[in-house]
Amino acid sequence: MINSVGVLGAGQMGNGIAHVFAQHEHQVKLYDISSAQLEKGLKTIEQNLGRQANKGVISQDSIPAILGRITIAGSLGDFAGCDLVIEAVNENESLKFDLFRQLDEIVKPDAILASNTSSISITRIASVTRRPDKVIGLHFMNPVPVMQLVEVIRGLATSNETFSTATGLVEKLGKVTAVSQDYPGFIINRILMPMINEAIFALYEGIATAEDIDMGMKLGTNHPMGPLALADFIGLDTTLAIINVLYEGFKDPKYRPCPLLVKMVNAGYLGKKSGRGFYKY
């Protein structure tokens, strides 16, 4: 039974995950190394709850109770009593390994450790712990309160019990499960990132403007957002990190990141969060 949930990282994904669990009556502990990010994350949750109330998804009266179920963790040690801890930090393999080693020492032996990674091997993450059977991937889509899908990734050692608990939990959150084997990029980014990368190549090679590339994909293939605008929304640094995971994982040149993407990341043009990417914000 999952009652208490720890969320590691209060950024775009972490605060959304905390929001959804608290909305579905779980006690949530939210931690981030940055106190400013924690404050921003809590403000975002409150704003998003307000939007849900305005749309009739939840009642206005329920907001204080939902917010009341989220407490700030002062350190990783505050996760000791959690039944489940979900890591939602940057797509950095060494950072995730270090955090999972620490969490493995802190949380109770029967607790499940999950990663929200969108591309990094769950098997490799699990291997740095003493509980690889209790490690699983729970890849929520952004924005978490709105998007229905959760990609569930089994590591090689993930037990049937852990998998069953995780998929049951996703269902209780009112979301839909897509199950992926543990290969680079899983399902979503294995397909999405090469498309985004190819759109960047089309811009790099002067085939069309960013606006026409995105308009073509929106109106020509019924995508809700063009691939270049989506890359800006994801973050060009995160996009590059995921494409590099595909490239290094498969050693296939079809996953080679576009030089324009590399140059933009080097310049600090990271998309919406930095104010400039393929578009200005």
C-alpha atoms as a PDB file:
ATOM      1  CA  MET A   1       0.000   0.000   0.000  1.00  0.00           C
ATOM      2  CA  ILE A   2       1.427   3.363  -1.073  1.00  0.00           C
ATOM      3  CA  ASN A   3       0.416   6.148   1.312  1.00  0.00           C
ATOM      4  CA  SER A   4       3.405   8.459   1.725  1.00  0.00           C
ATOM      5  CA  VAL A   5       5.215   9.611  -1.413  1.00  0.00           C
ATOM      6  CA  GLY A   6       8.506  11.475  -1.649  1.00  0.00           C
ATOM      7  CA  VAL A   7       9.243  13.586  -4.711  1.00  0.00           C
ATOM      8  CA  LEU A   8      12.847  14.537  -5.353  1.00  0.00           C
ATOM      9  CA  GLY A   9      13.051  17.686  -7.472  1.00  0.00           C
ATOM     10  CA  ALA A  10      10.552  20.573  -7.472  1.00  0.00           C
ATOM     11  CA  GLY A  11      11.027  21.675 -11.062  1.00  0.00           C
ATOM     12  CA  GLN A  12       8.576  21.438 -13.936  1.00  0.00           C
ATOM     13  CA  MET A  13       8.100  17.666 -13.622  1.00  0.00           C
ATOM     14  CA  GLY A  14       8.567  17.278  -9.856  1.00  0.00           C
ATOM     15  CA  ASN A  15       5.981  19.848  -8.820  1.00  0.00           C
ATOM     16  CA  GLY A  16       3.511  18.337 -11.286  1.00  0.00           C
ATOM     17  CA  ILE A  17       4.053  14.851  -9.842  1.00  0.00           C
ATOM     18  CA  ALA A  18       3.626  16.188  -6.284  1.00  0.00           C
ATOM     19  CA  HIS A  19       0.440  17.980  -7.385  1.00  0.00           C
ATOM     20  CA  VAL A  20      -1.148  14.835  -8.838  1.00  0.00           C
ATOM     21  CA  PHE A  21      -0.336  12.610  -5.869  1.00  0.00           C
ATOM     22  CA  ALA A  22      -1.630  15.181  -3.365  1.00  0.00           C
ATOM     23  CA  GLN A  23      -4.769  15.666  -5.462  1.00  0.00           C
ATOM     24  CA  HIS A  24      -5.399  11.920  -5.143  1.00  0.00           C
ATOM     25  CA  GLU A  25      -5.080  12.000  -1.344  1.00  0.00           C
ATOM     26  CA  HIS A  26      -1.481  10.878  -0.873  1.00  0.00           C
ATOM     27  CA  GLN A  27       0.766  12.530   1.679  1.00  0.00           C
ATOM     28  CA  VAL A  28       3.625  14.073  -0.285  1.00  0.00           C
ATOM     29  CA  LYS A  29       7.072  15.213   0.798  1.00  0.00           C
ATOM     30  CA  LEU A  30       8.725  17.491  -1.760  1.00  0.00           C
ATOM     31  CA  TYR A  31      12.471  18.143  -1.764  1.00  0.00           C
ATOM     32  CA  ASP A  32      14.781  20.234  -3.893  1.00  0.00           C
ATOM     33  CA  ILE A  33      18.351  21.330  -3.272  1.00  0.00           C
ATOM     34  CA  SER A  34      17.227  24.884  -4.127  1.00  0.00           C
ATOM     35  CA  SER A  35      14.900  26.599  -1.659  1.00  0.00           C
ATOM     36  CA  ALA A  36      13.974  29.096  -4.384  1.00  0.00           C
ATOM     37  CA  GLN A  37      12.913  26.238  -6.667  1.00  0.00           C
ATOM     38  CA  LEU A  38      10.844  24.739  -3.853  1.00  0.00           C
ATOM     39  CA  GLU A  39       9.059  28.059  -3.343  1.00  0.00           C
ATOM     40  CA  LYS A  40       8.492  28.401  -7.079  1.00  0.00           C
ATOM     41  CA  GLY A  41       7.256  24.810  -7.288  1.00  0.00           C
ATOM     42  CA  LEU A  42       4.685  25.288  -4.541  1.00  0.00           C
ATOM     43  CA  LYS A  43       3.463  28.494  -6.192  1.00  0.00           C
ATOM     44  CA  THR A  44       3.108  26.650  -9.506  1.00  0.00           C
ATOM     45  CA  ILE A  45       1.075  23.888  -7.826  1.00  0.00           C
ATOM     46  CA  GLU A  46      -1.260  26.469  -6.284  1.00  0.00           C
ATOM     47  CA  GLN A  47      -1.691  28.248  -9.620  1.00  0.00           C
ATOM     48  CA  ASN A  48      -2.376  24.983 -11.462  1.00  0.00           C
ATOM     49  CA  LEU A  49      -4.930  23.928  -8.853  1.00  0.00           C
ATOM     50  CA  GLY A  50      -6.645  27.264  -9.397  1.00  0.00           C
ATOM     51  CA  ARG A  51      -6.772  26.586 -13.142  1.00  0.00           C
ATOM     52  CA  GLN A  52      -8.289  23.165 -12.490  1.00  0.00           C
ATOM     53  CA  ALA A  53     -10.925  24.723 -10.244  1.00  0.00           C
ATOM     54  CA  ASN A  54     -11.777  27.322 -12.892  1.00  0.00           C
ATOM     55  CA  LYS A  55     -12.290  24.511 -15.419  1.00  0.00           C
ATOM     56  CA  GLY A  56     -14.419  22.501 -13.013  1.00  0.00           C
ATOM     57  CA  VAL A  57     -11.908  19.642 -12.709  1.00  0.00           C
ATOM     58  CA  ILE A  58     -11.751  20.099  -8.922  1.00  0.00           C
ATOM     59  CA  SER A  59     -13.720  22.253  -6.498  1.00  0.00           C
ATOM     60  CA  GLN A  60     -12.293  25.506  -5.197  1.00  0.00           C
ATOM     61  CA  ASP A  61     -12.953  24.255  -1.658  1.00  0.00           C
ATOM     62  CA  SER A  62     -10.658  21.232  -2.159  1.00  0.00           C
ATOM     63  CA  ILE A  63      -7.527  23.316  -2.838  1.00  0.00           C
ATOM     64  CA  PRO A  64      -6.488  23.990   0.786  1.00  0.00           C
ATOM     65  CA  ALA A  65      -6.711  20.260   1.627  1.00  0.00           C
ATOM     66  CA  ILE A  66      -4.639  19.296  -1.436  1.00  0.00           C
ATOM     67  CA  LEU A  67      -1.967  21.855  -0.610  1.00  0.00           C
ATOM     68  CA  GLY A  68      -2.068  20.687   3.007  1.00  0.00           C
ATOM     69  CA  ARG A  69      -1.025  17.206   1.931  1.00  0.00           C
ATOM     70  CA  ILE A  70       2.273  18.561   0.528  1.00  0.00           C
ATOM     71  CA  THR A  71       5.062  19.180   3.033  1.00  0.00           C
ATOM     72  CA  ILE A  72       8.558  20.439   2.357  1.00  0.00           C
ATOM     73  CA  ALA A  73      11.384  18.008   3.097  1.00  0.00           C
ATOM     74  CA  GLY A  74      14.431  19.678   4.622  1.00  0.00           C
ATOM     75  CA  SER A  75      16.765  16.923   3.427  1.00  0.00           C
ATOM     76  CA  LEU A  76      16.749  13.512   1.746  1.00  0.00           C
ATOM     77  CA  GLY A  77      16.595  12.065   5.250  1.00  0.00           C
ATOM     78  CA  ASP A  78      12.970  13.199   5.501  1.00  0.00           C
ATOM     79  CA  PHE A  79      12.082  10.508   2.945  1.00  0.00           C
ATOM     80  CA  ALA A  80      12.919   7.743   5.451  1.00  0.00           C
ATOM     81  CA  GLY A  81       9.290   6.820   6.104  1.00  0.00           C
ATOM     82  CA  CYS A  82       8.015   7.097   2.529  1.00  0.00           C
ATOM     83  CA  ASP A  83       6.486   4.098   0.764  1.00  0.00           C
ATOM     84  CA  LEU A  84       7.560   5.422  -2.631  1.00  0.00           C
ATOM     85  CA  VAL A  85      10.167   7.992  -3.681  1.00  0.00           C
ATOM     86  CA  ILE A  86      10.121   9.392  -7.220  1.00  0.00           C
ATOM     87  CA  GLU A  87      13.252  11.095  -8.518  1.00  0.00           C
ATOM     88  CA  ALA A  88      12.568  13.943 -10.960  1.00  0.00           C
ATOM     89  CA  VAL A  89      15.902  15.737 -11.420  1.00  0.00           C
ATOM     90  CA  ASN A  90      17.849  16.612 -14.574  1.00  0.00           C
ATOM     91  CA  GLU A  91      18.670  13.962 -17.189  1.00  0.00           C
ATOM     92  CA  ASN A  92      22.156  13.420 -15.792  1.00  0.00           C
ATOM     93  CA  GLU A  93      23.164   9.803 -15.272  1.00  0.00           C
ATOM     94  CA  SER A  94      25.864  10.373 -12.654  1.00  0.00           C
ATOM     95  CA  LEU A  95      23.555  12.658 -10.629  1.00  0.00           C
ATOM     96  CA  LYS A  96      20.795  10.047 -10.661  1.00  0.00           C
ATOM     97  CA  PHE A  97      23.225   7.288  -9.644  1.00  0.00           C
ATOM     98  CA  ASP A  98      24.434   9.349  -6.697  1.00  0.00           C
ATOM     99  CA  LEU A  99      20.890  10.147  -5.548  1.00  0.00           C
ATOM    100  CA  PHE A 100      19.732   6.540  -5.791  1.00  0.00           C
ATOM    101  CA  ARG A 101      22.721   5.370  -3.752  1.00  0.00           C
ATOM    102  CA  GLN A 102      21.743   7.859  -1.052  1.00  0.00           C
ATOM    103  CA  LEU A 103      18.035   7.023  -1.179  1.00  0.00           C
ATOM    104  CA  ASP A 104      18.803   3.317  -0.924  1.00  0.00           C
ATOM    105  CA  GLU A 105      20.530   3.983   2.406  1.00  0.00           C
ATOM    106  CA  ILE A 106      17.751   6.250   3.696  1.00  0.00           C
ATOM    107  CA  VAL A 107      14.359   4.761   2.856  1.00  0.00           C
ATOM    108  CA  LYS A 108      12.851   1.701   4.523  1.00  0.00           C
ATOM    109  CA  PRO A 109      13.735  -1.689   2.961  1.00  0.00           C
ATOM    110  CA  ASP A 110      10.317  -2.314   1.428  1.00  0.00           C
ATOM    111  CA  ALA A 111       9.983   1.136  -0.183  1.00  0.00           C
ATOM    112  CA  ILE A 112       9.917   1.469  -3.964  1.00  0.00           C
ATOM    113  CA  LEU A 113      12.372   3.806  -5.693  1.00  0.00           C
ATOM    114  CA  ALA A 114      11.207   5.245  -9.017  1.00  0.00           C
ATOM    115  CA  SER A 115      12.784   7.506 -11.600  1.00  0.00           C
ATOM    116  CA  ASN A 116      10.944   9.932 -13.847  1.00  0.00           C
ATOM    117  CA  THR A 117      13.798   9.665 -16.344  1.00  0.00           C
ATOM    118  CA  SER A 118      12.740   9.930 -19.971  1.00  0.00           C
ATOM    119  CA  SER A 119      15.697   8.022 -21.409  1.00  0.00           C
ATOM    120  CA  ILE A 120      18.292   6.726 -18.904  1.00  0.00           C
ATOM    121  CA  SER A 121      18.450   2.981 -18.240  1.00  0.00           C
ATOM    122  CA  ILE A 122      16.404   1.838 -15.244  1.00  0.00           C
ATOM    123  CA  THR A 123      18.553  -1.301 -15.066  1.00  0.00           C
ATOM    124  CA  ARG A 124      21.675   0.830 -14.664  1.00  0.00           C
ATOM    125  CA  ILE A 125      20.030   3.069 -12.059  1.00  0.00           C
ATOM    126  CA  ALA A 126      18.819   0.003 -10.137  1.00  0.00           C
ATOM    127  CA  SER A 127      22.278  -1.544 -10.183  1.00  0.00           C
ATOM    128  CA  VAL A 128      23.692   1.102  -7.815  1.00  0.00           C
ATOM    129  CA  THR A 129      21.169   0.091  -5.127  1.00  0.00           C
ATOM    130  CA  ARG A 130      20.788  -2.999  -2.953  1.00  0.00           C
ATOM    131  CA  ARG A 131      17.125  -3.289  -3.998  1.00  0.00           C
ATOM    132  CA  PRO A 132      17.136  -3.534  -7.812  1.00  0.00           C
ATOM    133  CA  ASP A 133      13.875  -5.494  -7.622  1.00  0.00           C
ATOM    134  CA  LYS A 134      12.188  -2.410  -6.111  1.00  0.00           C
ATOM    135  CA  VAL A 135      13.407   0.109  -8.721  1.00  0.00           C
ATOM    136  CA  ILE A 136      11.159   1.106 -11.627  1.00  0.00           C
ATOM    137  CA  GLY A 137      10.704   3.892 -14.169  1.00  0.00           C
ATOM    138  CA  LEU A 138       7.620   6.110 -13.894  1.00  0.00           C
ATOM    139  CA  HIS A 139       7.896   8.601 -16.752  1.00  0.00           C
ATOM    140  CA  PHE A 140       5.116  11.167 -16.399  1.00  0.00           C
ATOM    141  CA  MET A 141       4.276  13.421 -19.343  1.00  0.00           C
ATOM    142  CA  ASN A 142       4.444  17.210 -19.156  1.00  0.00           C
ATOM    143  CA  PRO A 143       2.336  18.986 -17.923  1.00  0.00           C
ATOM    144  CA  VAL A 144       1.705  16.225 -15.378  1.00  0.00           C
ATOM    145  CA  PRO A 145      -1.726  17.372 -14.075  1.00  0.00           C
ATOM    146  CA  VAL A 146      -3.084  17.471 -17.656  1.00  0.00           C
ATOM    147  CA  MET A 147      -1.419  14.625 -19.562  1.00  0.00           C
ATOM    148  CA  GLN A 148      -2.995  11.189 -19.161  1.00  0.00           C
ATOM    149  CA  LEU A 149      -0.073   8.924 -19.986  1.00  0.00           C
ATOM    150  CA  VAL A 150       2.560   7.471 -17.666  1.00  0.00           C
ATOM    151  CA  GLU A 151       5.285   5.390 -19.295  1.00  0.00           C
ATOM    152  CA  VAL A 152       6.212   2.520 -16.961  1.00  0.00           C
ATOM    153  CA  ILE A 153       9.664   1.016 -17.514  1.00  0.00           C
ATOM    154  CA  ARG A 154      10.765  -2.291 -16.023  1.00  0.00           C
ATOM    155  CA  GLY A 155      14.441  -2.739 -15.292  1.00  0.00           C
ATOM    156  CA  LEU A 156      15.884  -6.206 -15.841  1.00  0.00           C
ATOM    157  CA  ALA A 157      15.578  -6.934 -12.099  1.00  0.00           C
ATOM    158  CA  THR A 158      12.252  -5.147 -11.418  1.00  0.00           C
ATOM    159  CA  SER A 159       9.976  -7.622  -9.615  1.00  0.00           C
ATOM    160  CA  ASN A 160       6.428  -8.477 -10.657  1.00  0.00           C
ATOM    161  CA  GLU A 161       5.253  -7.141  -7.292  1.00  0.00           C
ATOM    162  CA  THR A 162       6.908  -3.751  -7.863  1.00  0.00           C
ATOM    163  CA  PHE A 163       5.514  -3.591 -11.389  1.00  0.00           C
ATOM    164  CA  SER A 164       2.005  -4.487 -10.217  1.00  0.00           C
ATOM    165  CA  THR A 165       2.125  -1.894  -7.428  1.00  0.00           C
ATOM    166  CA  ALA A 166       3.355   0.802  -9.817  1.00  0.00           C
ATOM    167  CA  THR A 167       0.772   0.152 -12.530  1.00  0.00           C
ATOM    168  CA  GLY A 168      -2.011  -0.037  -9.929  1.00  0.00           C
ATOM    169  CA  LEU A 169      -0.891   3.302  -8.542  1.00  0.00           C
ATOM    170  CA  VAL A 170      -0.916   4.908 -11.995  1.00  0.00           C
ATOM    171  CA  GLU A 171      -4.501   3.727 -12.442  1.00  0.00           C
ATOM    172  CA  LYS A 172      -5.508   5.194  -9.063  1.00  0.00           C
ATOM    173  CA  LEU A 173      -4.108   8.552 -10.224  1.00  0.00           C
ATOM    174  CA  GLY A 174      -6.590   8.430 -13.103  1.00  0.00           C
ATOM    175  CA  LYS A 175      -3.852   7.957 -15.681  1.00  0.00           C
ATOM    176  CA  VAL A 176      -3.115   5.415 -18.398  1.00  0.00           C
ATOM    177  CA  THR A 177      -0.082   3.122 -18.476  1.00  0.00           C
ATOM    178  CA  ALA A 178       2.155   2.423 -21.463  1.00  0.00           C
ATOM    179  CA  VAL A 179       4.685  -0.300 -20.618  1.00  0.00           C
ATOM    180  CA  SER A 180       8.165  -0.132 -22.126  1.00  0.00           C
ATOM    181  CA  GLN A 181      11.145  -2.415 -22.014  1.00  0.00           C
ATOM    182  CA  ASP A 182      14.364  -0.838 -20.763  1.00  0.00           C
ATOM    183  CA  TYR A 183      16.090   0.372 -23.925  1.00  0.00           C
ATOM    184  CA  PRO A 184      17.356   3.913 -24.643  1.00  0.00           C
ATOM    185  CA  GLY A 185      14.523   6.412 -25.013  1.00  0.00           C
ATOM    186  CA  PHE A 186      11.870   3.827 -24.079  1.00  0.00           C
ATOM    187  CA  ILE A 187       8.745   4.342 -26.259  1.00  0.00           C
ATOM    188  CA  ILE A 188       7.984   8.052 -26.334  1.00  0.00           C
ATOM    189  CA  ASN A 189      11.435   9.562 -26.782  1.00  0.00           C
ATOM    190  CA  ARG A 190      12.636   6.729 -29.027  1.00  0.00           C
ATOM    191  CA  ILE A 191      10.079   8.055 -31.524  1.00  0.00           C
ATOM    192  CA  LEU A 192       9.728  11.735 -30.557  1.00  0.00           C
ATOM    193  CA  MET A 193      13.364  12.823 -30.311  1.00  0.00           C
ATOM    194  CA  PRO A 194      14.444  11.700 -33.799  1.00  0.00           C
ATOM    195  CA  MET A 195      11.467  13.671 -35.165  1.00  0.00           C
ATOM    196  CA  ILE A 196      12.498  16.796 -33.255  1.00  0.00           C
ATOM    197  CA  ASN A 197      16.134  16.297 -34.298  1.00  0.00           C
ATOM    198  CA  GLU A 198      15.088  15.959 -37.954  1.00  0.00           C
ATOM    199  CA  ALA A 199      13.052  19.182 -37.681  1.00  0.00           C
ATOM    200  CA  ILE A 200      16.183  20.920 -36.374  1.00  0.00           C
ATOM    201  CA  PHE A 201      18.179  19.504 -39.307  1.00  0.00           C
ATOM    202  CA  ALA A 202      15.514  20.893 -41.668  1.00  0.00           C
ATOM    203  CA  LEU A 203      16.035  24.347 -40.134  1.00  0.00           C
ATOM    204  CA  TYR A 204      19.849  23.920 -40.093  1.00  0.00           C
ATOM    205  CA  GLU A 205      19.877  23.012 -43.793  1.00  0.00           C
ATOM    206  CA  GLY A 206      17.678  25.981 -44.719  1.00  0.00           C
ATOM    207  CA  ILE A 207      14.758  23.882 -45.935  1.00  0.00           C
ATOM    208  CA  ALA A 208      12.252  26.145 -44.174  1.00  0.00           C
ATOM    209  CA  THR A 209      11.855  28.663 -41.375  1.00  0.00           C
ATOM    210  CA  ALA A 210      11.073  27.532 -37.840  1.00  0.00           C
ATOM    211  CA  GLU A 211       7.563  28.938 -38.217  1.00  0.00           C
ATOM    212  CA  ASP A 212       6.885  27.027 -41.445  1.00  0.00           C
ATOM    213  CA  ILE A 213       8.315  23.772 -40.077  1.00  0.00           C
ATOM    214  CA  ASP A 214       6.064  23.986 -37.037  1.00  0.00           C
ATOM    215  CA  MET A 215       3.031  25.117 -39.031  1.00  0.00           C
ATOM    216  CA  GLY A 216       3.550  22.244 -41.448  1.00  0.00           C
ATOM    217  CA  MET A 217       3.544  19.676 -38.666  1.00  0.00           C
ATOM    218  CA  LYS A 218       0.618  21.268 -36.821  1.00  0.00           C
ATOM    219  CA  LEU A 219      -1.696  21.641 -39.806  1.00  0.00           C
ATOM    220  CA  GLY A 220      -0.293  18.877 -42.000  1.00  0.00           C
ATOM    221  CA  THR A 221      -0.108  16.097 -39.397  1.00  0.00           C
ATOM    222  CA  ASN A 222      -2.489  17.440 -36.726  1.00  0.00           C
ATOM    223  CA  HIS A 223       0.177  17.797 -34.010  1.00  0.00           C
ATOM    224  CA  PRO A 224      -0.963  20.150 -31.225  1.00  0.00           C
ATOM    225  CA  MET A 225       2.477  21.798 -31.172  1.00  0.00           C
ATOM    226  CA  GLY A 226       5.242  22.007 -33.761  1.00  0.00           C
ATOM    227  CA  PRO A 227       8.463  20.072 -33.067  1.00  0.00           C
ATOM    228  CA  LEU A 228      10.661  23.166 -32.656  1.00  0.00           C
ATOM    229  CA  ALA A 229       8.221  24.850 -30.265  1.00  0.00           C
ATOM    230  CA  LEU A 230       7.992  21.544 -28.396  1.00  0.00           C
ATOM    231  CA  ALA A 231      11.790  21.375 -28.114  1.00  0.00           C
ATOM    232  CA  ASP A 232      11.751  24.899 -26.648  1.00  0.00           C
ATOM    233  CA  PHE A 233       9.072  23.796 -24.184  1.00  0.00           C
ATOM    234  CA  ILE A 234      11.006  20.666 -23.147  1.00  0.00           C
ATOM    235  CA  GLY A 235      14.290  22.596 -22.933  1.00  0.00           C
ATOM    236  CA  LEU A 236      16.983  22.311 -25.589  1.00  0.00           C
ATOM    237  CA  ASP A 237      19.499  21.065 -23.019  1.00  0.00           C
ATOM    238  CA  THR A 238      17.145  18.239 -22.024  1.00  0.00           C
ATOM    239  CA  THR A 239      16.399  17.518 -25.682  1.00  0.00           C
ATOM    240  CA  LEU A 240      20.116  17.258 -26.460  1.00  0.00           C
ATOM    241  CA  ALA A 241      20.736  15.060 -23.416  1.00  0.00           C
ATOM    242  CA  ILE A 242      18.046  12.595 -24.516  1.00  0.00           C
ATOM    243  CA  ILE A 243      19.255  12.521 -28.130  1.00  0.00           C
ATOM    244  CA  ASN A 244      22.779  11.828 -26.847  1.00  0.00           C
ATOM    245  CA  VAL A 245      21.443   8.915 -24.771  1.00  0.00           C
ATOM    246  CA  LEU A 246      19.935   7.464 -27.967  1.00  0.00           C
ATOM    247  CA  TYR A 247      23.116   8.086 -29.956  1.00  0.00           C
ATOM    248  CA  GLU A 248      25.420   6.595 -27.342  1.00  0.00           C
ATOM    249  CA  GLY A 249      23.051   3.767 -26.457  1.00  0.00           C
ATOM    250  CA  PHE A 250      22.496   2.461 -29.981  1.00  0.00           C
ATOM    251  CA  LYS A 251      25.722   3.666 -31.662  1.00  0.00           C
ATOM    252  CA  ASP A 252      23.578   4.363 -34.724  1.00  0.00           C
ATOM    253  CA  PRO A 253      24.348   7.519 -36.767  1.00  0.00           C
ATOM    254  CA  LYS A 254      20.632   8.134 -37.356  1.00  0.00           C
ATOM    255  CA  TYR A 255      20.522   9.472 -33.780  1.00  0.00           C
ATOM    256  CA  ARG A 256      23.388  11.961 -34.292  1.00  0.00           C
ATOM    257  CA  PRO A 257      22.338  15.307 -32.725  1.00  0.00           C
ATOM    258  CA  CYS A 258      22.055  18.199 -35.161  1.00  0.00           C
ATOM    259  CA  PRO A 259      25.051  20.590 -34.896  1.00  0.00           C
ATOM    260  CA  LEU A 260      22.629  23.527 -34.629  1.00  0.00           C
ATOM    261  CA  LEU A 261      21.098  22.034 -31.487  1.00  0.00           C
ATOM    262  CA  VAL A 262      24.546  21.528 -29.947  1.00  0.00           C
ATOM    263  CA  LYS A 263      25.541  25.116 -30.796  1.00  0.00           C
ATOM    264  CA  MET A 264      22.359  26.586 -29.317  1.00  0.00           C
ATOM    265  CA  VAL A 265      22.792  24.680 -26.059  1.00  0.00           C
ATOM    266  CA  ASN A 266      26.424  25.819 -25.873  1.00  0.00           C
ATOM    267  CA  ALA A 267      25.214  29.404 -26.326  1.00  0.00           C
ATOM    268  CA  GLY A 268      22.709  29.060 -23.478  1.00  0.00           C
ATOM    269  CA  TYR A 269      19.694  29.250 -25.800  1.00  0.00           C
ATOM    270  CA  LEU A 270      17.722  26.593 -23.937  1.00  0.00           C
ATOM    271  CA  GLY A 271      14.202  27.445 -25.013  1.00  0.00           C
ATOM    272  CA  LYS A 272      11.312  28.856 -23.016  1.00  0.00           C
ATOM    273  CA  LYS A 273      13.078  28.618 -19.636  1.00  0.00           C
ATOM    274  CA  SER A 274      15.973  30.818 -20.801  1.00  0.00           C
ATOM    275  CA  GLY A 275      13.829  33.207 -22.860  1.00  0.00           C
ATOM    276  CA  ARG A 276      15.340  32.157 -26.150  1.00  0.00           C
ATOM    277  CA  GLY A 277      15.463  29.005 -28.236  1.00  0.00           C
ATOM    278  CA  PHE A 278      14.037  28.537 -31.714  1.00  0.00           C
ATOM    279  CA  TYR A 279      11.678  31.330 -30.659  1.00  0.00           C
ATOM    280  CA  LYS A 280      11.973  34.296 -28.283  1.00  0.00           C
ATOM    281  CA  TYR A 281       9.887  34.332 -25.085  1.00  0.00           C
END
